[in-house]
Every structure is written in structure tokens, then in C-alpha cells.
C-alpha atoms as a PDB file:
ATOM      1  CA  MET A   1     155.168 -35.474  87.259  1.00  0.00           C
ATOM      2  CA  ASN A   2     158.302 -34.104  85.615  1.00  0.00           C
ATOM      3  CA  GLU A   3     159.772 -31.506  87.989  1.00  0.00           C
ATOM      4  CA  THR A   4     161.454 -29.590  85.168  1.00  0.00           C
ATOM      5  CA  ALA A   5     158.128 -29.251  83.405  1.00  0.00           C
ATOM      6  CA  ILE A   6     156.556 -27.862  86.568  1.00  0.00           C
ATOM      7  CA  HIS A   7     159.128 -25.114  86.905  1.00  0.00           C
ATOM      8  CA  ASP A   8     159.314 -24.378  83.183  1.00  0.00           C
ATOM      9  CA  SER A   9     155.603 -23.636  83.362  1.00  0.00           C
ATOM     10  CA  GLY A  10     156.530 -20.728  85.659  1.00  0.00           C
ATOM     11  CA  ARG A  11     158.477 -19.144  82.753  1.00  0.00           C
ATOM     12  CA  GLY A  12     161.986 -18.956  84.097  1.00  0.00           C
ATOM     13  CA  ARG A  13     162.483 -17.296  87.483  1.00  0.00           C
ATOM     14  CA  PRO A  14     159.326 -15.265  88.140  1.00  0.00           C
ATOM     15  CA  LEU A  15     160.122 -14.879  91.864  1.00  0.00           C
ATOM     16  CA  GLU A  16     163.546 -13.337  91.219  1.00  0.00           C
ATOM     17  CA  GLY A  17     164.349 -10.852  93.993  1.00  0.00           C
ATOM     18  CA  LYS A  18     161.535 -12.005  96.272  1.00  0.00           C
ATOM     19  CA  GLN A  19     162.259 -12.816  99.923  1.00  0.00           C
ATOM     20  CA  GLY A  20     160.575 -15.799 101.553  1.00  0.00           C
ATOM     21  CA  LEU A  21     160.333 -17.140 105.099  1.00  0.00           C
ATOM     22  CA  VAL A  22     159.414 -20.813 105.468  1.00  0.00           C
ATOM     23  CA  PHE A  23     158.229 -22.506 108.651  1.00  0.00           C
ATOM     24  CA  GLY A  24     157.914 -26.289 108.752  1.00  0.00           C
ATOM     25  CA  VAL A  25     160.753 -27.897 106.838  1.00  0.00           C
ATOM     26  CA  ALA A  26     161.843 -31.035 108.703  1.00  0.00           C
ATOM     27  CA  ASN A  27     163.345 -33.220 105.968  1.00  0.00           C
ATOM     28  CA  LYS A  28     163.238 -33.734 102.210  1.00  0.00           C
ATOM     29  CA  ARG A  29     159.826 -35.437 102.470  1.00  0.00           C
ATOM     30  CA  SER A  30     158.230 -32.358 104.047  1.00  0.00           C
ATOM     31  CA  ILE A  31     155.516 -30.546 102.105  1.00  0.00           C
ATOM     32  CA  ALA A  32     157.211 -27.352 103.287  1.00  0.00           C
ATOM     33  CA  TRP A  33     160.409 -28.461 101.557  1.00  0.00           C
ATOM     34  CA  ALA A  34     158.586 -29.141  98.284  1.00  0.00           C
ATOM     35  CA  ILE A  35     157.122 -25.624  98.306  1.00  0.00           C
ATOM     36  CA  ALA A  36     160.374 -24.034  99.469  1.00  0.00           C
ATOM     37  CA  LYS A  37     162.263 -25.725  96.648  1.00  0.00           C
ATOM     38  CA  ALA A  38     159.681 -24.570  94.090  1.00  0.00           C
ATOM     39  CA  TRP A  39     159.955 -21.001  95.368  1.00  0.00           C
ATOM     40  CA  HIS A  40     163.751 -21.169  95.316  1.00  0.00           C
ATOM     41  CA  ASP A  41     163.876 -22.610  91.806  1.00  0.00           C
ATOM     42  CA  ALA A  42     161.643 -19.731  90.708  1.00  0.00           C
ATOM     43  CA  GLY A  43     164.189 -17.237  92.027  1.00  0.00           C
ATOM     44  CA  ALA A  44     163.147 -16.465  95.622  1.00  0.00           C
ATOM     45  CA  ARG A  45     165.710 -16.065  98.388  1.00  0.00           C
ATOM     46  CA  LEU A  46     164.643 -18.088 101.392  1.00  0.00           C
ATOM     47  CA  THR A  47     165.097 -18.386 105.123  1.00  0.00           C
ATOM     48  CA  LEU A  48     164.108 -21.720 106.662  1.00  0.00           C
ATOM     49  CA  ALA A  49     162.896 -21.552 110.264  1.00  0.00           C
ATOM     50  CA  TYR A  50     163.200 -24.767 112.241  1.00  0.00           C
ATOM     51  CA  GLN A  51     162.014 -25.870 115.681  1.00  0.00           C
ATOM     52  CA  GLY A  52     164.502 -27.563 117.968  1.00  0.00           C
ATOM     53  CA  GLU A  53     168.011 -28.906 117.779  1.00  0.00           C
ATOM     54  CA  ARG A  54     166.687 -32.331 116.792  1.00  0.00           C
ATOM     55  CA  ILE A  55     166.104 -31.262 113.184  1.00  0.00           C
ATOM     56  CA  ARG A  56     168.632 -28.449 112.940  1.00  0.00           C
ATOM     57  CA  GLU A  57     171.223 -30.499 111.061  1.00  0.00           C
ATOM     58  CA  ASN A  58     168.651 -31.751 108.537  1.00  0.00           C
ATOM     59  CA  VAL A  59     167.383 -28.244 107.829  1.00  0.00           C
ATOM     60  CA  GLU A  60     170.880 -26.797 107.519  1.00  0.00           C
ATOM     61  CA  GLU A  61     171.825 -29.514 105.027  1.00  0.00           C
ATOM     62  CA  LEU A  62     168.715 -28.813 102.950  1.00  0.00           C
ATOM     63  CA  ALA A  63     169.407 -25.073 103.054  1.00  0.00           C
ATOM     64  CA  ALA A  64     172.974 -25.692 101.911  1.00  0.00           C
ATOM     65  CA  SER A  65     171.674 -27.714  98.953  1.00  0.00           C
ATOM     66  CA  LEU A  66     169.886 -24.566  97.739  1.00  0.00           C
ATOM     67  CA  GLY A  67     173.040 -22.476  97.838  1.00  0.00           C
ATOM     68  CA  GLY A  68     174.804 -20.066 100.170  1.00  0.00           C
ATOM     69  CA  GLU A  69     172.078 -17.423 100.084  1.00  0.00           C
ATOM     70  CA  THR A  70     169.597 -19.655 101.909  1.00  0.00           C
ATOM     71  CA  ARG A  71     169.603 -18.944 105.628  1.00  0.00           C
ATOM     72  CA  THR A  72     168.256 -20.868 108.630  1.00  0.00           C
ATOM     73  CA  LEU A  73     167.080 -19.733 112.038  1.00  0.00           C
ATOM     74  CA  PRO A  74     165.554 -21.431 115.098  1.00  0.00           C
ATOM     75  CA  CYS A  75     161.976 -20.696 116.141  1.00  0.00           C
ATOM     76  CA  ASP A  76     159.484 -22.332 118.488  1.00  0.00           C
ATOM     77  CA  VAL A  77     156.221 -20.983 117.065  1.00  0.00           C
ATOM     78  CA  SER A  78     154.422 -21.472 120.391  1.00  0.00           C
ATOM     79  CA  ARG A  79     156.625 -18.844 122.058  1.00  0.00           C
ATOM     80  CA  ASP A  80     156.200 -15.142 121.301  1.00  0.00           C
ATOM     81  CA  GLU A  81     159.790 -14.309 122.162  1.00  0.00           C
ATOM     82  CA  HIS A  82     160.997 -16.850 119.595  1.00  0.00           C
ATOM     83  CA  LEU A  83     158.726 -15.399 116.909  1.00  0.00           C
ATOM     84  CA  ASP A  84     159.853 -11.867 117.779  1.00  0.00           C
ATOM     85  CA  ALA A  85     163.498 -12.876 117.481  1.00  0.00           C
ATOM     86  CA  ALA A  86     162.967 -14.815 114.244  1.00  0.00           C
ATOM     87  CA  PHE A  87     161.190 -11.967 112.466  1.00  0.00           C
ATOM     88  CA  GLN A  88     163.677  -9.428 113.794  1.00  0.00           C
ATOM     89  CA  GLN A  89     166.626 -11.505 112.519  1.00  0.00           C
ATOM     90  CA  PHE A  90     164.904 -12.033 109.198  1.00  0.00           C
ATOM     91  CA  GLY A  91     164.106  -8.335 108.811  1.00  0.00           C
ATOM     92  CA  GLU A  92     167.671  -7.279 109.618  1.00  0.00           C
ATOM     93  CA  LYS A  93     168.991  -9.469 106.808  1.00  0.00           C
ATOM     94  CA  ALA A  94     166.267  -9.320 104.168  1.00  0.00           C
ATOM     95  CA  ARG A  95     164.694  -5.900 104.903  1.00  0.00           C
ATOM     96  CA  ARG A  96     161.430  -7.047 103.294  1.00  0.00           C
ATOM     97  CA  LEU A  97     159.189 -10.088 103.153  1.00  0.00           C
ATOM     98  CA  ASP A  98     157.228 -11.203 100.102  1.00  0.00           C
ATOM     99  CA  LEU A  99     156.353 -14.846 100.833  1.00  0.00           C
ATOM    100  CA  LEU A 100     155.598 -16.703 104.036  1.00  0.00           C
ATOM    101  CA  LEU A 101     154.801 -20.403 104.384  1.00  0.00           C
ATOM    102  CA  HIS A 102     153.122 -21.751 107.526  1.00  0.00           C
ATOM    103  CA  SER A 103     153.446 -25.537 107.447  1.00  0.00           C
ATOM    104  CA  VAL A 104     153.449 -26.382 111.143  1.00  0.00           C
ATOM    105  CA  ALA A 105     151.011 -28.433 113.181  1.00  0.00           C
ATOM    106  CA  PHE A 106     151.136 -30.465 116.354  1.00  0.00           C
ATOM    107  CA  ALA A 107     148.935 -32.449 118.707  1.00  0.00           C
ATOM    108  CA  PRO A 108     149.998 -34.965 121.364  1.00  0.00           C
ATOM    109  CA  ARG A 109     150.108 -38.478 119.930  1.00  0.00           C
ATOM    110  CA  GLU A 110     147.499 -39.759 122.366  1.00  0.00           C
ATOM    111  CA  ALA A 111     145.053 -37.161 121.021  1.00  0.00           C
ATOM    112  CA  LEU A 112     145.297 -38.767 117.577  1.00  0.00           C
ATOM    113  CA  GLU A 113     144.122 -42.142 118.879  1.00  0.00           C
ATOM    114  CA  GLY A 114     140.806 -43.261 120.281  1.00  0.00           C
ATOM    115  CA  ARG A 115     137.830 -40.888 120.477  1.00  0.00           C
ATOM    116  CA  PHE A 116     137.783 -37.156 119.879  1.00  0.00           C
ATOM    117  CA  THR A 117     135.404 -36.942 122.845  1.00  0.00           C
ATOM    118  CA  ASP A 118     138.281 -37.894 125.123  1.00  0.00           C
ATOM    119  CA  THR A 119     140.540 -35.032 124.014  1.00  0.00           C
ATOM    120  CA  SER A 120     142.097 -33.393 127.049  1.00  0.00           C
ATOM    121  CA  ARG A 121     141.931 -29.650 127.620  1.00  0.00           C
ATOM    122  CA  GLU A 122     145.723 -29.388 127.287  1.00  0.00           C
ATOM    123  CA  ALA A 123     145.822 -31.355 124.023  1.00  0.00           C
ATOM    124  CA  PHE A 124     143.070 -29.132 122.601  1.00  0.00           C
ATOM    125  CA  ARG A 125     144.891 -25.972 123.656  1.00  0.00           C
ATOM    126  CA  MET A 126     148.232 -27.149 122.331  1.00  0.00           C
ATOM    127  CA  ALA A 127     146.845 -28.269 118.955  1.00  0.00           C
ATOM    128  CA  HIS A 128     145.136 -24.925 118.376  1.00  0.00           C
ATOM    129  CA  ASP A 129     148.076 -22.867 119.623  1.00  0.00           C
ATOM    130  CA  VAL A 130     150.679 -24.514 117.392  1.00  0.00           C
ATOM    131  CA  SER A 131     148.505 -25.387 114.391  1.00  0.00           C
ATOM    132  CA  ALA A 132     146.246 -22.317 114.095  1.00  0.00           C
ATOM    133  CA  TYR A 133     147.118 -19.394 116.343  1.00  0.00           C
ATOM    134  CA  SER A 134     150.741 -19.437 115.179  1.00  0.00           C
ATOM    135  CA  LEU A 135     149.541 -18.322 111.718  1.00  0.00           C
ATOM    136  CA  VAL A 136     147.905 -15.260 113.299  1.00  0.00           C
ATOM    137  CA  ALA A 137     151.068 -14.549 115.281  1.00  0.00           C
ATOM    138  CA  MET A 138     153.209 -14.845 112.151  1.00  0.00           C
ATOM    139  CA  ALA A 139     150.872 -12.656 110.085  1.00  0.00           C
ATOM    140  CA  ARG A 140     150.998  -9.865 112.664  1.00  0.00           C
ATOM    141  CA  ARG A 141     154.795  -9.848 112.553  1.00  0.00           C
ATOM    142  CA  ALA A 142     154.944 -10.257 108.764  1.00  0.00           C
ATOM    143  CA  GLU A 143     152.621  -7.338 108.040  1.00  0.00           C
ATOM    144  CA  PRO A 144     155.128  -4.489 108.570  1.00  0.00           C
ATOM    145  CA  LEU A 145     157.706  -6.323 106.429  1.00  0.00           C
ATOM    146  CA  MET A 146     155.215  -6.664 103.552  1.00  0.00           C
ATOM    147  CA  ALA A 147     155.032  -2.969 102.713  1.00  0.00           C
ATOM    148  CA  ASP A 148     154.583  -3.777  99.025  1.00  0.00           C
ATOM    149  CA  GLY A 149     152.139  -6.615  99.591  1.00  0.00           C
ATOM    150  CA  GLY A 150     152.842 -10.309  99.774  1.00  0.00           C
ATOM    151  CA  SER A 151     151.515 -13.836  99.995  1.00  0.00           C
ATOM    152  CA  LEU A 152     150.935 -15.898 103.138  1.00  0.00           C
ATOM    153  CA  LEU A 153     150.325 -19.597 102.619  1.00  0.00           C
ATOM    154  CA  ALA A 154     149.162 -22.205 105.144  1.00  0.00           C
ATOM    155  CA  MET A 155     148.781 -25.972 104.868  1.00  0.00           C
ATOM    156  CA  SER A 156     145.492 -27.660 105.723  1.00  0.00           C
ATOM    157  CA  TYR A 157     143.810 -31.030 105.232  1.00  0.00           C
ATOM    158  CA  TYR A 158     140.350 -32.437 104.406  1.00  0.00           C
ATOM    159  CA  GLY A 159     139.876 -33.350 108.072  1.00  0.00           C
ATOM    160  CA  ALA A 160     139.093 -29.659 108.662  1.00  0.00           C
ATOM    161  CA  ALA A 161     135.812 -30.033 106.751  1.00  0.00           C
ATOM    162  CA  LYS A 162     134.844 -33.700 107.221  1.00  0.00           C
ATOM    163  CA  VAL A 163     135.390 -36.303 109.901  1.00  0.00           C
ATOM    164  CA  VAL A 164     138.541 -38.332 109.287  1.00  0.00           C
ATOM    165  CA  PRO A 165     138.822 -41.132 111.878  1.00  0.00           C
ATOM    166  CA  HIS A 166     141.822 -40.707 114.170  1.00  0.00           C
ATOM    167  CA  TYR A 167     142.550 -37.173 112.927  1.00  0.00           C
ATOM    168  CA  ASN A 168     140.528 -35.997 115.914  1.00  0.00           C
ATOM    169  CA  VAL A 169     141.640 -32.702 117.474  1.00  0.00           C
ATOM    170  CA  MET A 170     143.936 -31.957 114.558  1.00  0.00           C
ATOM    171  CA  GLY A 171     140.910 -31.756 112.268  1.00  0.00           C
ATOM    172  CA  VAL A 172     139.307 -29.241 114.608  1.00  0.00           C
ATOM    173  CA  ALA A 173     142.549 -27.241 114.750  1.00  0.00           C
ATOM    174  CA  LYS A 174     142.779 -27.263 110.939  1.00  0.00           C
ATOM    175  CA  ALA A 175     139.196 -25.960 110.770  1.00  0.00           C
ATOM    176  CA  SER A 176     140.336 -23.127 113.015  1.00  0.00           C
ATOM    177  CA  LEU A 177     143.335 -22.556 110.753  1.00  0.00           C
ATOM    178  CA  GLU A 178     141.093 -22.259 107.683  1.00  0.00           C
ATOM    179  CA  ALA A 179     138.903 -19.724 109.489  1.00  0.00           C
ATOM    180  CA  CYS A 180     142.044 -17.786 110.426  1.00  0.00           C
ATOM    181  CA  VAL A 181     142.989 -17.702 106.736  1.00  0.00           C
ATOM    182  CA  ARG A 182     139.680 -16.028 105.890  1.00  0.00           C
ATOM    183  CA  TYR A 183     139.806 -13.454 108.686  1.00  0.00           C
ATOM    184  CA  LEU A 184     143.457 -12.611 108.006  1.00  0.00           C
ATOM    185  CA  ALA A 185     142.692 -12.241 104.292  1.00  0.00           C
ATOM    186  CA  TYR A 186     140.024  -9.666 105.188  1.00  0.00           C
ATOM    187  CA  ASP A 187     142.271  -7.706 107.548  1.00  0.00           C
ATOM    188  CA  LEU A 188     145.358  -7.712 105.340  1.00  0.00           C
ATOM    189  CA  GLY A 189     143.724  -7.373 101.926  1.00  0.00           C
ATOM    190  CA  PRO A 190     143.857  -3.540 101.869  1.00  0.00           C
ATOM    191  CA  LYS A 191     147.646  -3.824 102.159  1.00  0.00           C
ATOM    192  CA  LYS A 192     147.797  -6.167  99.144  1.00  0.00           C
ATOM    193  CA  ILE A 193     148.694  -9.103 101.367  1.00  0.00           C
ATOM    194  CA  ARG A 194     146.974 -12.305 100.293  1.00  0.00           C
ATOM    195  CA  VAL A 195     146.334 -15.250 102.620  1.00  0.00           C
ATOM    196  CA  ASN A 196     145.446 -18.699 101.315  1.00  0.00           C
ATOM    197  CA  ALA A 197     145.688 -22.362 102.282  1.00  0.00           C
ATOM    198  CA  ILE A 198     146.409 -25.546 100.377  1.00  0.00           C
ATOM    199  CA  SER A 199     144.425 -28.581 101.520  1.00  0.00           C
ATOM    200  CA  ALA A 200     146.714 -31.394 100.467  1.00  0.00           C
ATOM    201  CA  GLY A 201     145.789 -35.019 100.079  1.00  0.00           C
ATOM    202  CA  PRO A 202     147.676 -37.391 102.409  1.00  0.00           C
ATOM    203  CA  VAL A 203     151.435 -37.424 101.924  1.00  0.00           C
ATOM    204  CA  ASN A 204     153.824 -39.798 103.662  1.00  0.00           C
ATOM    205  CA  THR A 205     155.576 -37.164 105.771  1.00  0.00           C
ATOM    206  CA  LEU A 206     157.158 -37.474 109.203  1.00  0.00           C
ATOM    207  CA  ALA A 207     154.142 -35.757 110.799  1.00  0.00           C
ATOM    208  CA  ALA A 208     151.607 -37.938 108.970  1.00  0.00           C
ATOM    209  CA  ARG A 209     153.105 -41.110 110.384  1.00  0.00           C
ATOM    210  CA  GLY A 210     151.768 -40.095 113.773  1.00  0.00           C
ATOM    211  CA  ILE A 211     148.197 -40.632 112.526  1.00  0.00           C
ATOM    212  CA  SER A 212     146.799 -44.075 113.276  1.00  0.00           C
ATOM    213  CA  ASP A 213     146.035 -46.181 110.159  1.00  0.00           C
ATOM    214  CA  PHE A 214     147.758 -43.657 107.896  1.00  0.00           C
ATOM    215  CA  GLY A 215     148.737 -46.379 105.411  1.00  0.00           C
ATOM    216  CA  ARG A 216     145.083 -47.296 105.035  1.00  0.00           C
ATOM    217  CA  MET A 217     144.262 -43.649 104.399  1.00  0.00           C
ATOM    218  CA  LEU A 218     146.744 -43.523 101.496  1.00  0.00           C
ATOM    219  CA  LYS A 219     145.221 -46.645  99.955  1.00  0.00           C
ATOM    220  CA  HIS A 220     141.676 -45.286 100.388  1.00  0.00           C
ATOM    221  CA  TYR A 221     142.526 -42.054  98.579  1.00  0.00           C
ATOM    222  CA  GLU A 222     144.178 -43.945  95.754  1.00  0.00           C
ATOM    223  CA  GLU A 223     141.071 -46.066  95.285  1.00  0.00           C
ATOM    224  CA  ARG A 224     138.455 -43.281  95.586  1.00  0.00           C
ATOM    225  CA  ALA A 225     139.999 -40.089  94.184  1.00  0.00           C
ATOM    226  CA  PRO A 226     138.917 -39.292  90.591  1.00  0.00           C
ATOM    227  CA  LEU A 227     142.548 -39.404  89.442  1.00  0.00           C
ATOM    228  CA  ARG A 228     142.997 -42.814  91.156  1.00  0.00           C
ATOM    229  CA  ARG A 229     146.248 -41.836  92.814  1.00  0.00           C
ATOM    230  CA  ASN A 230     147.712 -39.770  95.633  1.00  0.00           C
ATOM    231  CA  VAL A 231     149.151 -36.287  95.225  1.00  0.00           C
ATOM    232  CA  GLU A 232     152.905 -35.978  94.749  1.00  0.00           C
ATOM    233  CA  LEU A 233     155.171 -33.601  96.644  1.00  0.00           C
ATOM    234  CA  GLU A 234     156.268 -31.863  93.439  1.00  0.00           C
ATOM    235  CA  GLU A 235     152.628 -31.117  92.637  1.00  0.00           C
ATOM    236  CA  LEU A 236     152.159 -29.464  96.019  1.00  0.00           C
ATOM    237  CA  GLY A 237     155.295 -27.446  95.313  1.00  0.00           C
ATOM    238  CA  ALA A 238     153.781 -26.324  92.017  1.00  0.00           C
ATOM    239  CA  THR A 239     150.528 -25.325  93.738  1.00  0.00           C
ATOM    240  CA  GLY A 240     152.483 -23.341  96.322  1.00  0.00           C
ATOM    241  CA  LEU A 241     154.389 -21.650  93.510  1.00  0.00           C
ATOM    242  CA  PHE A 242     151.176 -20.698  91.710  1.00  0.00           C
ATOM    243  CA  LEU A 243     149.819 -19.041  94.868  1.00  0.00           C
ATOM    244  CA  ALA A 244     153.005 -16.948  95.055  1.00  0.00           C
ATOM    245  CA  LEU A 245     152.835 -15.748  91.438  1.00  0.00           C
ATOM    246  CA  PRO A 246     151.052 -12.731  89.923  1.00  0.00           C
ATOM    247  CA  GLY A 247     148.671 -15.120  88.162  1.00  0.00           C
ATOM    248  CA  SER A 248     146.989 -15.748  91.534  1.00  0.00           C
ATOM    249  CA  ALA A 249     146.804 -12.040  92.429  1.00  0.00           C
ATOM    250  CA  ALA A 250     142.999 -12.084  92.719  1.00  0.00           C
ATOM    251  CA  ILE A 251     142.922 -15.171  94.980  1.00  0.00           C
ATOM    252  CA  THR A 252     142.788 -14.634  98.739  1.00  0.00           C
ATOM    253  CA  GLY A 253     141.025 -16.198 101.707  1.00  0.00           C
ATOM    254  CA  GLN A 254     140.710 -19.483  99.837  1.00  0.00           C
ATOM    255  CA  VAL A 255     141.399 -23.130 100.590  1.00  0.00           C
ATOM    256  CA  ILE A 256     142.749 -24.752  97.419  1.00  0.00           C
ATOM    257  CA  TYR A 257     142.342 -28.536  97.335  1.00  0.00           C
ATOM    258  CA  ALA A 258     145.291 -30.404  95.837  1.00  0.00           C
ATOM    259  CA  ASP A 259     144.153 -33.957  96.504  1.00  0.00           C
ATOM    260  CA  CYS A 260     143.608 -35.561  93.099  1.00  0.00           C
ATOM    261  CA  GLY A 261     139.917 -34.650  93.333  1.00  0.00           C
ATOM    262  CA  TYR A 262     139.084 -36.608  96.488  1.00  0.00           C
ATOM    263  CA  GLU A 263     137.287 -33.614  98.040  1.00  0.00           C
ATOM    264  CA  ILE A 264     134.473 -33.696  95.430  1.00  0.00           C
ATOM    265  CA  MET A 265     133.470 -37.275  96.209  1.00  0.00           C
ATOM    266  CA  GLY A 266     130.348 -38.111  98.164  1.00  0.00           C
ATOM    267  CA  MET A 267     130.944 -41.873  98.293  1.00  0.00           C
END
């Protein structure tokens, strides 16, 4: 899809003056990067939060490509003191928060192989802590910064609703994440804060490569989805942009499927 056409459809820079905080950018193939770029191109000022020195340089280079106003900060989302520091630093600079993207998930590699039945207690705890509870922790800290309302967006996958072989504990954690979206939407709705999730079709990201037989999954989607193809990163960016715009003001607590129609198929 033509990227210019996607952003032209947003009528210029409709997010001008908005402040966004993005968790989950790792490299230019990240879904988080596609959404961050769409938000930036629509006028939002962004801060990219990264986890660990290993990807710091990548994230700083991507931030620099968006211009000098894009900031970065470190944050391990499994640690409350890191989240406290990240939101404090963000608030001191931006003063307000309009958009937040939660695009983080993790499970030990061995938990994404073999049988779900064999998931260890620690792998289960870790997957839910990083992939689901962190959204709750972020929302609690974002709330006071969203005095004029805002939009929280999380990333999910079809494995939250149906069994996807080898997705295992991550599917269960994503189901928890989707439930968190609904409960947060209820709690935060009176403050005009919307909470939604995008359930993306498989994308060849760094995280996805940890899933056994991922290449086969891509081929299966391409063969079975009504559109007979896989979703593109730019399309996920456009969906993330839509959920940040006034045109989606009545949408909250929802899981929006952007998977070329695969979710509707029974066989």
C-alpha cells in the first residue's frame, strides 16, 4: 500500500500538538515503529521507551530519523521503579500525554515449543507480567497525565481467541491482555480515555521469529485469508493512526482485527 496515500487520508497533520509515549520499538520492522511513524507523520511528538542496552542504539537511530523532538528513555516494564521513572521523566518534559502504545510481550523461548501443558509456573508468570499486567501498570501511571482524555493502544494476536500451535502461553497472556483492555476501558472511560487493541495478522518481526514454524504460519495466512495475503506494516500503522484520531472517538474496549480477514474464517 502506498504510504503517502495512507497519511494523506488523515488530512494533513491531525495529531499536531499531541504527545505520545511508545513502548516496544526494537527496529524498523517492529509493529510499534510502524504505528509510531504514522503518529509522528500525523503531527504527534513522541517519546520511544526501550528495554535494555542491547537495542538502545537502534531505537536512538530511529528516533533521530524522526527529528530532534523525538526523545528516548530506558524502561524495563516488569519493574515498577523503571515505570515510575519513565513516566516521571516523560511528564517533566511533555507535561501531558495523549497517546500511549503498548507493544511489548515476552515468554521464555522454551515455553513457545512443545506442549502448553508443560508450561512452567515461572514462564506463565513472566508471560503474563510482561505481556498483560504491564498494560495495567502503564494505564495507572498514564491516567493523571491524560487530564483531557487520551488513547491507549495495545497489540494482540489471534492466538488470544483460538489455539495457534506453538503460540502456547503467549496466547493465554494475550487473552489476558484483551480482557485488561476491556476492564481498563470501563474504568477510564469517564475520563475520556479510550483503550483498544489491534489484533494483527502475523508479521515478520524480531519477536515473531521466536515462534516455532513461523514461516509456515505466514504461508497459511496468505493461502486462507480472504484477501489472500498478509498484512503490511504500513497498514498496521494506519490502523493505529485511526484509533488515535477523533473519528474513532466512540470506539473503546475493542479488539480490532487487522489480518486481511483471516479471523472470519472457519476453515
